[in-house]
C-alpha atoms as a PDB file:
ATOM      1  CA  MET A   1     -73.695  21.058-120.810  1.00  0.00           C
ATOM      2  CA  TYR A   2     -72.422  21.291-117.175  1.00  0.00           C
ATOM      3  CA  ASP A   3     -72.984  18.494-114.587  1.00  0.00           C
ATOM      4  CA  LEU A   4     -73.506  20.397-111.418  1.00  0.00           C
ATOM      5  CA  SER A   5     -75.152  17.539-109.396  1.00  0.00           C
ATOM      6  CA  PRO A   6     -72.443  17.283-106.747  1.00  0.00           C
ATOM      7  CA  GLN A   7     -72.542  21.080-106.075  1.00  0.00           C
ATOM      8  CA  LEU A   8     -76.346  20.977-106.063  1.00  0.00           C
ATOM      9  CA  VAL A   9     -76.405  18.169-103.477  1.00  0.00           C
ATOM     10  CA  CYS A  10     -73.774  19.904-101.289  1.00  0.00           C
ATOM     11  CA  TRP A  11     -75.787  23.141-101.347  1.00  0.00           C
ATOM     12  CA  SER A  12     -79.105  21.441-100.603  1.00  0.00           C
ATOM     13  CA  VAL A  13     -77.707  19.522 -97.720  1.00  0.00           C
ATOM     14  CA  SER A  14     -75.977  22.605 -96.268  1.00  0.00           C
ATOM     15  CA  MET A  15     -79.075  24.789 -96.645  1.00  0.00           C
ATOM     16  CA  THR A  16     -81.289  22.138 -95.074  1.00  0.00           C
ATOM     17  CA  ALA A  17     -78.986  21.634 -92.139  1.00  0.00           C
ATOM     18  CA  VAL A  18     -78.942  25.546 -91.530  1.00  0.00           C
ATOM     19  CA  LEU A  19     -82.776  25.680 -91.863  1.00  0.00           C
ATOM     20  CA  VAL A  20     -83.187  22.807 -89.473  1.00  0.00           C
ATOM     21  CA  THR A  21     -80.842  24.433 -87.012  1.00  0.00           C
ATOM     22  CA  PHE A  22     -82.921  27.639 -87.024  1.00  0.00           C
ATOM     23  CA  GLN A  23     -86.161  25.713 -87.002  1.00  0.00           C
ATOM     24  CA  VAL A  24     -85.656  23.499 -83.943  1.00  0.00           C
ATOM     25  CA  PRO A  25     -85.811  26.345 -81.356  1.00  0.00           C
ATOM     26  CA  GLU A  26     -88.883  27.717 -83.031  1.00  0.00           C
ATOM     27  CA  MET A  27     -90.482  24.296 -82.833  1.00  0.00           C
ATOM     28  CA  LEU A  28     -89.733  23.971 -79.151  1.00  0.00           C
ATOM     29  CA  HIS A  29     -90.731  27.482 -78.043  1.00  0.00           C
ATOM     30  CA  ASN A  30     -93.592  28.672 -80.355  1.00  0.00           C
ATOM     31  CA  ASP A  31     -96.207  31.236 -79.588  1.00  0.00           C
ATOM     32  CA  ALA A  32     -99.021  29.411 -81.525  1.00  0.00           C
ATOM     33  CA  GLY A  33    -101.369  29.639 -78.505  1.00  0.00           C
ATOM     34  CA  ASP A  34    -101.127  33.451 -78.494  1.00  0.00           C
ATOM     35  CA  GLN A  35    -102.059  33.595 -82.158  1.00  0.00           C
ATOM     36  CA  GLY A  36    -105.110  31.210 -81.843  1.00  0.00           C
ATOM     37  CA  PHE A  37    -103.563  28.123 -83.158  1.00  0.00           C
ATOM     38  CA  SER A  38    -103.134  24.810 -81.313  1.00  0.00           C
ATOM     39  CA  HIS A  39     -99.654  23.822 -80.301  1.00  0.00           C
ATOM     40  CA  CYS A  40    -100.151  20.330 -81.633  1.00  0.00           C
ATOM     41  CA  GLY A  41    -101.295  21.594 -85.092  1.00  0.00           C
ATOM     42  CA  TYR A  42     -98.425  24.017 -85.315  1.00  0.00           C
ATOM     43  CA  PHE A  43     -96.033  21.267 -84.310  1.00  0.00           C
ATOM     44  CA  LEU A  44     -97.441  18.957 -86.942  1.00  0.00           C
ATOM     45  CA  LEU A  45     -97.257  21.590 -89.621  1.00  0.00           C
ATOM     46  CA  GLN A  46     -93.683  22.411 -88.889  1.00  0.00           C
ATOM     47  CA  ASN A  47     -92.848  18.655 -88.981  1.00  0.00           C
ATOM     48  CA  ALA A  48     -94.593  18.248 -92.290  1.00  0.00           C
ATOM     49  CA  GLY A  49     -92.420  21.057 -93.742  1.00  0.00           C
ATOM     50  CA  ILE A  50     -89.218  19.487 -92.445  1.00  0.00           C
ATOM     51  CA  LEU A  51     -90.213  15.967 -93.843  1.00  0.00           C
ATOM     52  CA  MET A  52     -91.049  17.568 -97.189  1.00  0.00           C
ATOM     53  CA  GLY A  53     -87.512  19.156 -97.124  1.00  0.00           C
ATOM     54  CA  PHE A  54     -85.942  15.857 -96.363  1.00  0.00           C
ATOM     55  CA  GLY A  55     -87.979  14.253 -99.070  1.00  0.00           C
ATOM     56  CA  ILE A  56     -86.779  16.739-101.577  1.00  0.00           C
ATOM     57  CA  MET A  57     -83.205  16.126-100.463  1.00  0.00           C
ATOM     58  CA  LEU A  58     -83.687  12.447-100.812  1.00  0.00           C
ATOM     59  CA  LEU A  59     -85.066  12.814-104.396  1.00  0.00           C
ATOM     60  CA  ILE A  60     -82.011  15.033-105.323  1.00  0.00           C
ATOM     61  CA  ALA A  61     -79.700  12.340-103.892  1.00  0.00           C
ATOM     62  CA  ILE A  62     -81.391   9.584-105.673  1.00  0.00           C
ATOM     63  CA  PHE A  63     -81.495  11.271-109.102  1.00  0.00           C
ATOM     64  CA  GLU A  64     -78.373  13.283-108.824  1.00  0.00           C
ATOM     65  CA  HIS A  65     -76.790  11.381-111.815  1.00  0.00           C
ATOM     66  CA  LYS A  66     -79.661  12.554-113.989  1.00  0.00           C
ATOM     67  CA  ILE A  67     -79.538  16.239-113.085  1.00  0.00           C
ATOM     68  CA  LYS A  68     -77.923  18.271-115.657  1.00  0.00           C
ATOM     69  CA  LEU A  69     -77.962  22.030-116.141  1.00  0.00           C
ATOM     70  CA  ASP A  70     -77.409  23.761-119.452  1.00  0.00           C
ATOM     71  CA  ILE A  71     -76.180  27.293-118.631  1.00  0.00           C
ATOM     72  CA  SER A  72     -75.682  29.249-121.828  1.00  0.00           C
ATOM     73  CA  LEU A  73     -74.575  32.851-121.434  1.00  0.00           C
END
C-alpha cells in the first residue's frame, strides 16, 4: 500500500494553477456573443467551473490523510 497523498496534492495544485492561468485570458476576452451566448452567462459558467475545481482541491487537501492508493503490478 502506497501513500501518495502529498504527490496527489502537489499535482492537483500545479495542474489547477496552470489551468487557471490559461483560463483567465479566455474569461476576459471571450467570443460568446459571436456564438449566440450571453457574455454574462458564459462568464458565470466559467466561474462555476473554476469554483468546482477549487472545491475539488479543497476536498483533496482536507482528506489527504485518508487517500491511499494500492498499486499492484
